[in-house]
Amino acid sequence: MASDKGLFESGSAPLADRMRPASLEEMAGQDSVVGPSSPLHKAIRRDDLGSIVLWGPPGSGKTTLARIIASHTRANFVPMSAVMAGLKDLREALARAEADRTAGRRTILFLDEIHRFNKAQQDALLPHVESGAIVLIGATTENPSFEVNAALLSRTRVYRLERISDEALYGVLESALKDRDKGLGRMNLQAEEGVLEALAGSSQGDARFALNVLEFMASTAGEGGKLDRALLEETIQNQALYYDKQGEEHFNLISALHKSMRNSDADATMYWLARMLEAGEDPLYLARRIVRFASEDVGLADPRALTLALAAKDAVRFVGRPESDLALAQAAVFNALAPKSNALYAGWKKVRKVIRSGATDPVPMAIRNAPTRLMKAEGYGEGYRYAHDEPGGVADLDCLPDRLRGSTFYEPTERGMEKLLSERLQALRNRKRRP
């Protein structure tokens, strides 16, 4: 039979733990992963589970699913937290698993927050997973592609748990409020209309967070008390947005901001910018991204975008938050609404590629400086024509090396100011092509 399952148990557990689903059927909002027809559901029922990684946001049910597996399996079930366990603890658990395998007993190792294990610790798991000494269940809030060793990941199947929907969270809260055995039913609390829906909507898909807030509200209101919006707002006013400056969510949000600006969506631009600022992102990082966008995606279609982005950067340094947030919003929205062109960016990539391919010929003699007699005698500056003395301010002069003569790198679009630049550039190129 399974061992160490008692490590999951608690005598005076908080509401979130008491209301934790005890069966696959009770899990809210994860039908695609553990629904009756899902492969994972069937494998758990057969007690024939292979190594898996459960990936999902906080409060989505990863540990709950591990507990349910523990209640269904006949294997030794060993729960371990990567935050608390070291390499020594891991090696001891693996040694016991090897001994049990020799005796004909299976071991399921549940490793919570597997992304906290370093490479050496993850490598220690690999031969035991490969040999079948353990069935690994890893749980992580971070993208396994980045946080789990490729060799280990290739020997597991990843199941992604989604954020629990507001509707499913509402059902969890309503059940907790009414349940007299595990929930708050004996307190006879009265919930103002819309309060549970508002709590579900502000919980970011995290059932644990929602139940913790509900429990705190209940203890504040007291037996027979009322749960109203004022109490809810007071309880959650300082809640932290889920955000990790080094994790996947950071890259998801900055990608959302960048792509919203690129698609000229001012409303989405403001939303994603505010999300990152409210979550504690470094405003200078955001300023750098807006500056980059102004050069890369707006370019010469509207040169004011870069000027405004740099001004926002200066405002962050000079004024600081929260006042500088508006300067960032101003720059971001201007960039979103500006005409877009990546012509300069594309041309820059093209010219760098040409240089790296070996096109580093000497500077043409005509445009070399000739400060000495010797250099003049050698032909430096010979054939140079002063543009200001030429009709139209442009001389009939080739400034590229011979092998690149006639090459074009910058091809402006017809959007914004680039339409004017395109017309001028084409006229200049046509003049040079005349016999």
Protein backbone atom coordinates (compact mmCIF):
# COMPACT_ATOMS: atom_id res chain seq x y z
CA MET A 1 0.00 0.00 0.00
CA ALA A 2 1.01 3.64 -0.41
CA SER A 3 3.24 5.08 2.29
CA ASP A 4 3.91 8.59 3.62
CA LYS A 5 0.47 9.80 2.52
CA GLY A 6 0.04 11.21 6.01
CA LEU A 7 2.47 13.98 5.10
CA PHE A 8 -0.44 15.53 3.22
CA GLU A 9 -2.74 15.54 6.26
CA SER A 10 -3.32 18.28 8.83
CA GLY A 11 -5.23 18.31 12.12
CA SER A 12 -6.59 21.87 12.05
CA ALA A 13 -6.40 22.55 8.35
CA PRO A 14 -7.37 25.88 6.78
CA LEU A 15 -10.53 26.11 4.69
CA ALA A 16 -8.64 25.72 1.40
CA ASP A 17 -7.24 22.40 2.61
CA ARG A 18 -10.53 21.16 4.06
CA MET A 19 -12.36 21.90 0.81
CA ARG A 20 -9.72 20.26 -1.36
CA PRO A 21 -11.34 17.77 -3.79
CA ALA A 22 -10.99 14.16 -2.73
CA SER A 23 -11.76 12.60 -6.11
CA LEU A 24 -11.23 13.23 -9.79
CA GLU A 25 -14.94 13.98 -10.18
CA GLU A 26 -14.71 16.81 -7.64
CA MET A 27 -11.88 18.65 -9.39
CA ALA A 28 -13.23 21.95 -10.71
CA GLY A 29 -12.34 23.43 -14.06
CA GLN A 30 -9.88 20.77 -15.31
CA ASP A 31 -12.09 18.47 -17.39
CA SER A 32 -9.71 18.49 -20.35
CA VAL A 33 -6.95 17.02 -18.16
CA VAL A 34 -8.80 14.75 -15.73
CA GLY A 35 -12.28 14.39 -17.24
CA PRO A 36 -13.75 10.85 -17.39
CA SER A 37 -12.62 10.31 -20.99
CA SER A 38 -9.11 11.70 -20.55
CA PRO A 39 -6.07 9.39 -20.74
CA LEU A 40 -4.81 10.66 -17.37
CA HIS A 41 -8.11 9.87 -15.66
CA LYS A 42 -8.05 6.33 -17.03
CA ALA A 43 -4.40 5.78 -16.09
CA ILE A 44 -5.07 6.88 -12.49
CA ARG A 45 -8.11 4.60 -12.27
CA ARG A 46 -6.04 1.66 -13.55
CA ASP A 47 -3.20 2.54 -11.16
CA ASP A 48 -0.96 2.45 -14.22
CA LEU A 49 0.51 5.92 -14.25
CA GLY A 50 3.72 6.83 -16.10
CA SER A 51 6.01 9.73 -15.18
CA ILE A 52 4.28 13.07 -15.66
CA VAL A 53 4.79 16.79 -15.07
CA LEU A 54 1.81 18.85 -13.90
CA TRP A 55 2.21 22.42 -15.12
CA GLY A 56 -0.18 25.16 -14.12
CA PRO A 57 -0.66 28.43 -12.25
CA PRO A 58 -0.99 28.61 -8.45
CA GLY A 59 -4.21 27.16 -7.08
CA SER A 60 -5.09 25.23 -10.24
CA GLY A 61 -5.04 21.81 -8.56
CA LYS A 62 -1.57 20.30 -9.04
CA THR A 63 -1.10 19.20 -5.43
CA THR A 64 -4.75 18.20 -5.22
CA LEU A 65 -4.32 15.89 -8.19
CA ALA A 66 -1.23 14.39 -6.55
CA ARG A 67 -3.24 13.68 -3.39
CA ILE A 68 -5.94 12.00 -5.45
CA ILE A 69 -3.33 9.83 -7.16
CA ALA A 70 -1.95 8.96 -3.70
CA SER A 71 -5.41 7.78 -2.62
CA HIS A 72 -5.81 5.57 -5.70
CA THR A 73 -2.42 3.90 -6.02
CA ARG A 74 -1.11 0.73 -4.42
CA ALA A 75 2.45 1.95 -4.92
CA ASN A 76 4.59 3.57 -2.26
CA PHE A 77 3.72 7.25 -2.58
CA VAL A 78 6.54 9.59 -1.52
CA PRO A 79 5.72 13.33 -1.49
CA MET A 80 8.65 15.74 -1.45
CA SER A 81 9.01 19.51 -1.82
CA ALA A 82 11.90 20.82 -3.91
CA VAL A 83 11.94 23.88 -1.66
CA MET A 84 12.67 21.83 1.47
CA ALA A 85 14.54 18.79 0.15
CA GLY A 86 18.23 18.70 -0.73
CA LEU A 87 20.28 16.29 -2.80
CA LYS A 88 20.90 14.10 0.28
CA ASP A 89 17.14 13.72 0.91
CA LEU A 90 16.57 12.92 -2.72
CA ARG A 91 19.29 10.27 -2.84
CA GLU A 92 17.90 8.58 0.27
CA ALA A 93 14.41 8.46 -1.26
CA LEU A 94 15.80 7.08 -4.52
CA ALA A 95 17.83 4.42 -2.69
CA ARG A 96 14.66 3.24 -0.89
CA ALA A 97 12.83 3.17 -4.21
CA GLU A 98 15.55 0.99 -5.77
CA ALA A 99 15.36 -1.40 -2.81
CA ASP A 100 11.57 -1.55 -3.08
CA ARG A 101 11.80 -2.22 -6.82
CA THR A 102 14.03 -5.22 -6.10
CA ALA A 103 11.34 -6.46 -3.70
CA GLY A 104 8.65 -5.97 -6.36
CA ARG A 105 7.08 -2.74 -5.05
CA ARG A 106 6.55 0.40 -7.14
CA THR A 107 7.32 3.93 -5.92
CA ILE A 108 5.63 7.13 -7.04
CA LEU A 109 7.71 10.19 -6.18
CA PHE A 110 5.73 13.43 -6.08
CA LEU A 111 8.12 16.36 -6.39
CA ASP A 112 6.36 19.65 -5.76
CA GLU A 113 7.92 22.76 -7.35
CA ILE A 114 10.32 20.65 -9.39
CA HIS A 115 11.62 23.80 -11.07
CA ARG A 116 13.36 24.64 -7.78
CA PHE A 117 15.71 21.69 -8.25
CA ASN A 118 18.99 22.57 -9.91
CA LYS A 119 20.49 20.63 -12.82
CA ALA A 120 22.46 18.23 -10.59
CA GLN A 121 19.36 17.39 -8.57
CA GLN A 122 17.27 16.84 -11.68
CA ASP A 123 20.04 14.73 -13.22
CA ALA A 124 19.95 12.50 -10.14
CA LEU A 125 16.36 11.59 -10.99
CA LEU A 126 17.04 10.61 -14.58
CA PRO A 127 18.49 7.06 -14.24
CA HIS A 128 15.78 6.09 -11.74
CA VAL A 129 12.99 7.33 -14.00
CA GLU A 130 14.62 5.57 -16.94
CA SER A 131 15.00 2.27 -15.07
CA GLY A 132 11.43 2.40 -13.75
CA ALA A 133 12.53 2.52 -10.11
CA ILE A 134 10.27 5.55 -9.67
CA VAL A 135 7.27 7.02 -11.36
CA LEU A 136 7.87 10.76 -11.17
CA ILE A 137 5.10 13.30 -10.70
CA GLY A 138 6.60 16.77 -10.95
CA ALA A 139 4.53 19.88 -10.23
CA THR A 140 5.55 23.33 -11.42
CA THR A 141 4.16 26.80 -12.02
CA GLU A 142 6.94 27.48 -14.52
CA ASN A 143 7.18 26.43 -18.15
CA PRO A 144 8.81 22.96 -18.10
CA SER A 145 10.50 23.70 -21.42
CA PHE A 146 12.76 26.13 -19.59
CA GLU A 147 12.85 24.72 -16.05
CA VAL A 148 13.05 20.92 -16.46
CA ASN A 149 16.10 19.22 -18.00
CA ALA A 150 15.44 18.17 -21.59
CA ALA A 151 16.51 14.57 -20.92
CA LEU A 152 14.12 14.29 -17.98
CA LEU A 153 11.34 16.07 -19.85
CA SER A 154 11.63 13.63 -22.76
CA ARG A 155 10.84 10.76 -20.36
CA THR A 156 7.70 12.37 -18.95
CA ARG A 157 4.37 13.54 -20.26
CA VAL A 158 3.40 17.13 -19.53
CA TYR A 159 -0.17 17.93 -18.49
CA ARG A 160 -1.09 21.60 -18.43
CA LEU A 161 -3.68 22.68 -15.88
CA GLU A 162 -5.45 25.91 -16.78
CA ARG A 163 -6.55 28.78 -14.57
CA ILE A 164 -9.84 27.84 -12.96
CA SER A 165 -12.67 29.77 -14.57
CA ASP A 166 -14.62 32.38 -12.60
CA GLU A 167 -17.75 30.24 -12.94
CA ALA A 168 -16.01 27.17 -11.50
CA LEU A 169 -14.49 29.26 -8.70
CA TYR A 170 -17.90 30.62 -7.82
CA GLY A 171 -19.13 27.05 -7.42
CA VAL A 172 -16.20 26.25 -5.11
CA LEU A 173 -16.91 29.32 -2.95
CA GLU A 174 -20.65 28.65 -2.79
CA SER A 175 -19.99 25.07 -1.74
CA ALA A 176 -17.53 26.19 0.97
CA LEU A 177 -20.05 28.68 2.33
CA LYS A 178 -22.78 26.04 2.62
CA ASP A 179 -20.83 22.89 3.58
CA ARG A 180 -21.46 22.20 7.28
CA ASP A 181 -18.88 19.42 7.61
CA LYS A 182 -15.79 20.78 5.83
CA GLY A 183 -16.77 24.35 5.06
CA LEU A 184 -18.31 27.37 6.79
CA GLY A 185 -21.93 26.16 6.83
CA ARG A 186 -22.17 26.08 10.62
CA MET A 187 -21.36 29.82 10.82
CA ASN A 188 -24.67 30.73 9.08
CA LEU A 189 -23.04 33.54 7.11
CA GLN A 190 -25.01 35.72 4.73
CA ALA A 191 -23.31 36.72 1.46
CA GLU A 192 -24.45 39.95 -0.17
CA GLU A 193 -25.60 39.47 -3.77
CA GLY A 194 -22.65 39.51 -6.15
CA VAL A 195 -19.95 39.17 -3.49
CA LEU A 196 -18.98 35.60 -4.30
CA GLU A 197 -18.94 36.41 -8.02
CA ALA A 198 -16.70 39.42 -7.34
CA LEU A 199 -14.35 37.33 -5.20
CA ALA A 200 -14.16 34.66 -7.91
CA GLY A 201 -13.40 37.31 -10.52
CA SER A 202 -10.59 38.86 -8.48
CA SER A 203 -8.85 35.59 -7.60
CA GLN A 204 -6.95 35.13 -10.88
CA GLY A 205 -8.11 31.53 -11.24
CA ASP A 206 -6.59 30.51 -7.89
CA ALA A 207 -8.96 28.40 -5.78
CA ARG A 208 -6.60 28.47 -2.80
CA PHE A 209 -6.47 32.26 -2.82
CA ALA A 210 -10.25 32.55 -3.17
CA LEU A 211 -10.89 30.20 -0.24
CA ASN A 212 -8.29 31.91 1.93
CA VAL A 213 -9.98 35.27 1.34
CA LEU A 214 -13.39 33.77 2.06
CA GLU A 215 -12.10 32.27 5.30
CA PHE A 216 -10.60 35.60 6.39
CA MET A 217 -13.86 37.41 5.60
CA ALA A 218 -15.78 34.82 7.61
CA SER A 219 -13.53 35.22 10.65
CA THR A 220 -13.91 39.01 10.42
CA ALA A 221 -17.70 38.93 10.04
CA GLY A 222 -18.17 36.32 12.79
CA GLU A 223 -20.97 33.77 13.24
CA GLY A 224 -24.18 34.92 11.58
CA GLY A 225 -22.34 37.86 10.03
CA LYS A 226 -22.66 39.40 6.58
CA LEU A 227 -20.14 39.16 3.77
CA ASP A 228 -20.53 42.39 1.81
CA ARG A 229 -18.55 44.23 -0.85
CA ALA A 230 -16.95 46.61 1.61
CA LEU A 231 -15.51 43.69 3.56
CA LEU A 232 -14.34 42.03 0.33
CA GLU A 233 -12.58 45.18 -0.89
CA GLU A 234 -10.92 45.68 2.48
CA THR A 235 -9.70 42.09 2.49
CA ILE A 236 -8.25 41.94 -1.02
CA GLN A 237 -7.08 45.53 -1.56
CA ASN A 238 -3.43 44.55 -1.16
CA GLN A 239 -3.53 41.26 -3.05
CA ALA A 240 -0.43 40.56 -5.14
CA LEU A 241 -0.76 39.99 -8.88
CA TYR A 242 0.86 36.76 -10.04
CA TYR A 243 4.10 37.80 -11.66
CA ASP A 244 7.66 36.57 -11.74
CA LYS A 245 10.18 38.93 -13.30
CA GLN A 246 12.34 35.98 -14.29
CA GLY A 247 9.57 33.53 -15.18
CA GLU A 248 7.38 32.75 -18.15
CA GLU A 249 4.61 35.15 -17.15
CA HIS A 250 7.05 38.04 -17.47
CA PHE A 251 7.75 37.10 -21.08
CA ASN A 252 4.07 36.43 -21.79
CA LEU A 253 3.10 39.91 -20.61
CA ILE A 254 5.87 41.81 -22.37
CA SER A 255 5.01 39.89 -25.54
CA ALA A 256 1.38 40.92 -25.12
CA LEU A 257 2.38 44.57 -24.70
CA HIS A 258 4.71 44.54 -27.70
CA LYS A 259 2.21 42.82 -29.99
CA SER A 260 -0.66 45.06 -28.87
CA MET A 261 1.38 48.14 -29.81
CA ARG A 262 2.36 46.54 -33.11
CA ASN A 263 -1.28 45.85 -33.90
CA SER A 264 -2.22 49.49 -33.09
CA ASP A 265 -4.49 48.43 -30.19
CA ALA A 266 -4.29 51.36 -27.76
CA ASP A 267 -6.67 49.85 -25.20
CA ALA A 268 -4.81 46.54 -24.98
CA THR A 269 -1.53 48.47 -24.84
CA MET A 270 -2.69 50.38 -21.76
CA TYR A 271 -4.00 47.21 -20.13
CA TRP A 272 -0.81 45.15 -20.50
CA LEU A 273 1.38 48.09 -19.50
CA ALA A 274 -0.70 48.62 -16.36
CA ARG A 275 -0.65 44.89 -15.58
CA MET A 276 3.14 44.88 -15.55
CA LEU A 277 3.49 48.11 -13.57
CA GLU A 278 0.93 47.02 -10.98
CA ALA A 279 2.75 43.70 -10.60
CA GLY A 280 5.99 45.51 -9.76
CA GLU A 281 7.88 45.45 -13.07
CA ASP A 282 10.86 47.80 -13.30
CA PRO A 283 9.54 50.90 -15.16
CA LEU A 284 12.94 51.40 -16.78
CA TYR A 285 12.67 47.94 -18.32
CA LEU A 286 9.33 48.95 -19.83
CA ALA A 287 10.81 52.24 -21.03
CA ARG A 288 13.61 50.33 -22.77
CA ARG A 289 11.07 48.08 -24.48
CA ILE A 290 9.05 51.07 -25.73
CA VAL A 291 12.25 52.72 -27.02
CA ARG A 292 13.12 49.52 -28.84
CA PHE A 293 9.62 49.33 -30.30
CA ALA A 294 9.81 52.93 -31.52
CA SER A 295 12.95 52.10 -33.52
CA GLU A 296 12.00 48.60 -34.61
CA ASP A 297 8.28 48.80 -35.38
CA VAL A 298 7.52 52.50 -35.98
CA GLY A 299 10.87 53.58 -37.34
CA LEU A 300 10.82 56.48 -39.78
CA ALA A 301 7.08 56.21 -40.34
CA ASP A 302 6.89 58.61 -37.38
CA PRO A 303 10.24 59.63 -35.83
CA ARG A 304 8.39 61.36 -33.00
CA ALA A 305 7.71 57.94 -31.47
CA LEU A 306 11.35 57.51 -30.51
CA THR A 307 11.56 61.06 -29.12
CA LEU A 308 8.52 60.45 -26.93
CA ALA A 309 9.80 57.06 -25.79
CA LEU A 310 13.11 58.59 -24.71
CA ALA A 311 11.24 61.39 -22.94
CA ALA A 312 9.25 58.75 -21.01
CA LYS A 313 12.53 57.10 -20.01
CA ASP A 314 13.77 60.43 -18.66
CA ALA A 315 10.49 60.95 -16.78
CA VAL A 316 10.92 57.58 -15.05
CA ARG A 317 14.37 58.63 -13.83
CA PHE A 318 13.46 62.23 -13.01
CA VAL A 319 9.98 61.91 -11.51
CA GLY A 320 9.70 58.25 -10.48
CA ARG A 321 6.63 56.18 -9.84
CA PRO A 322 3.69 56.45 -9.74
CA GLU A 323 3.73 59.81 -11.55
CA SER A 324 5.95 58.52 -14.35
CA ASP A 325 3.47 55.75 -15.16
CA LEU A 326 1.47 58.25 -17.20
CA ALA A 327 4.57 59.18 -19.19
CA LEU A 328 5.08 55.51 -20.04
CA ALA A 329 1.41 55.17 -20.96
CA GLN A 330 1.66 58.27 -23.17
CA ALA A 331 4.67 56.89 -25.02
CA ALA A 332 3.18 53.39 -25.34
CA VAL A 333 -0.18 54.62 -26.67
CA PHE A 334 1.53 57.02 -29.11
CA ASN A 335 3.59 54.12 -30.43
CA ALA A 336 0.47 52.00 -30.71
CA LEU A 337 -1.33 54.64 -32.74
CA ALA A 338 1.64 55.69 -34.86
CA PRO A 339 1.96 54.41 -38.45
CA LYS A 340 4.14 51.32 -38.46
CA SER A 341 7.21 50.45 -40.50
CA ASN A 342 9.95 47.93 -39.90
CA ALA A 343 11.76 49.02 -43.08
CA LEU A 344 14.67 50.53 -41.18
CA TYR A 345 14.93 47.41 -38.97
CA ALA A 346 14.85 45.12 -42.03
CA GLY A 347 17.42 47.27 -43.84
CA TRP A 348 19.71 47.26 -40.82
CA LYS A 349 19.57 43.45 -40.64
CA LYS A 350 20.33 43.27 -44.35
CA VAL A 351 23.37 45.53 -44.21
CA ARG A 352 24.78 43.69 -41.18
CA LYS A 353 24.38 40.40 -43.00
CA VAL A 354 26.29 41.77 -46.00
CA ILE A 355 29.13 42.99 -43.76
CA ARG A 356 29.34 39.69 -41.88
CA SER A 357 29.51 37.81 -45.18
CA GLY A 358 32.82 39.53 -45.89
CA ALA A 359 31.88 42.74 -47.74
CA THR A 360 34.40 44.88 -45.87
CA ASP A 361 36.17 46.45 -48.86
CA PRO A 362 38.29 49.59 -48.51
CA VAL A 363 36.60 53.00 -48.45
CA PRO A 364 36.40 54.42 -52.03
CA MET A 365 39.18 56.93 -52.71
CA ALA A 366 36.77 59.73 -53.60
CA ILE A 367 35.24 59.88 -50.09
CA ARG A 368 38.46 59.41 -48.10
CA ASN A 369 39.76 62.36 -46.12
CA ALA A 370 43.13 63.76 -47.28
CA PRO A 371 44.67 65.89 -44.50
CA THR A 372 48.30 65.43 -45.69
CA ARG A 373 50.20 65.91 -48.96
CA LEU A 374 51.18 62.26 -49.06
CA MET A 375 47.59 61.17 -48.82
CA LYS A 376 46.58 63.57 -51.56
CA ALA A 377 49.43 62.23 -53.70
CA GLU A 378 48.15 58.72 -53.13
CA GLY A 379 44.76 59.71 -54.54
CA TYR A 380 42.84 60.20 -51.29
CA GLY A 381 39.82 62.42 -52.00
CA GLU A 382 40.36 62.34 -55.75
CA GLY A 383 37.09 62.80 -57.61
CA TYR A 384 35.19 64.01 -54.56
CA ARG A 385 32.39 66.46 -55.27
CA TYR A 386 30.99 68.75 -52.58
CA ALA A 387 27.24 68.09 -52.34
CA HIS A 388 26.33 71.65 -51.32
CA ASP A 389 27.78 72.96 -54.59
CA GLU A 390 25.75 70.56 -56.72
CA PRO A 391 22.28 71.15 -58.16
CA GLY A 392 19.73 69.88 -55.66
CA GLY A 393 22.45 69.44 -53.05
CA VAL A 394 23.32 65.94 -54.29
CA ALA A 395 26.53 64.98 -56.16
CA ASP A 396 26.82 62.20 -58.70
CA LEU A 397 29.07 60.20 -56.39
CA ASP A 398 29.15 56.51 -55.42
CA CYS A 399 29.72 56.14 -51.68
CA LEU A 400 29.60 52.33 -51.46
CA PRO A 401 32.55 50.03 -52.24
CA ASP A 402 32.71 48.85 -55.85
CA ARG A 403 31.25 45.38 -55.26
CA LEU A 404 28.24 46.84 -53.43
CA ARG A 405 27.59 49.59 -55.96
CA GLY A 406 23.87 49.81 -56.68
CA SER A 407 22.87 47.86 -53.54
CA THR A 408 19.74 48.97 -51.69
CA PHE A 409 19.22 48.30 -48.00
CA TYR A 410 16.51 50.70 -46.90
CA GLU A 411 13.16 50.28 -48.66
CA PRO A 412 10.62 52.62 -47.00
CA THR A 413 6.93 51.82 -46.88
CA GLU A 414 4.07 54.06 -47.97
CA ARG A 415 2.93 54.58 -44.37
CA GLY A 416 3.20 57.79 -42.39
CA MET A 417 6.22 59.99 -42.95
CA GLU A 418 7.91 57.16 -44.84
CA LYS A 419 5.69 57.90 -47.81
CA LEU A 420 7.52 61.23 -48.22
CA LEU A 421 10.87 59.59 -47.56
CA SER A 422 10.07 56.91 -50.13
CA GLU A 423 9.34 59.50 -52.79
CA ARG A 424 12.56 61.42 -52.05
CA LEU A 425 14.67 58.26 -51.91
CA GLN A 426 13.31 57.03 -55.21
CA ALA A 427 14.01 60.41 -56.86
CA LEU A 428 17.59 60.35 -55.56
CA ARG A 429 18.17 56.80 -56.75
CA ASN A 430 16.71 57.62 -60.17
CA ARG A 431 19.09 60.59 -60.50
CA LYS A 432 22.08 58.35 -59.82
CA ARG A 433 20.94 55.81 -62.39
CA ARG A 434 20.91 58.36 -65.23
CA PRO A 435 23.65 57.82 -67.85
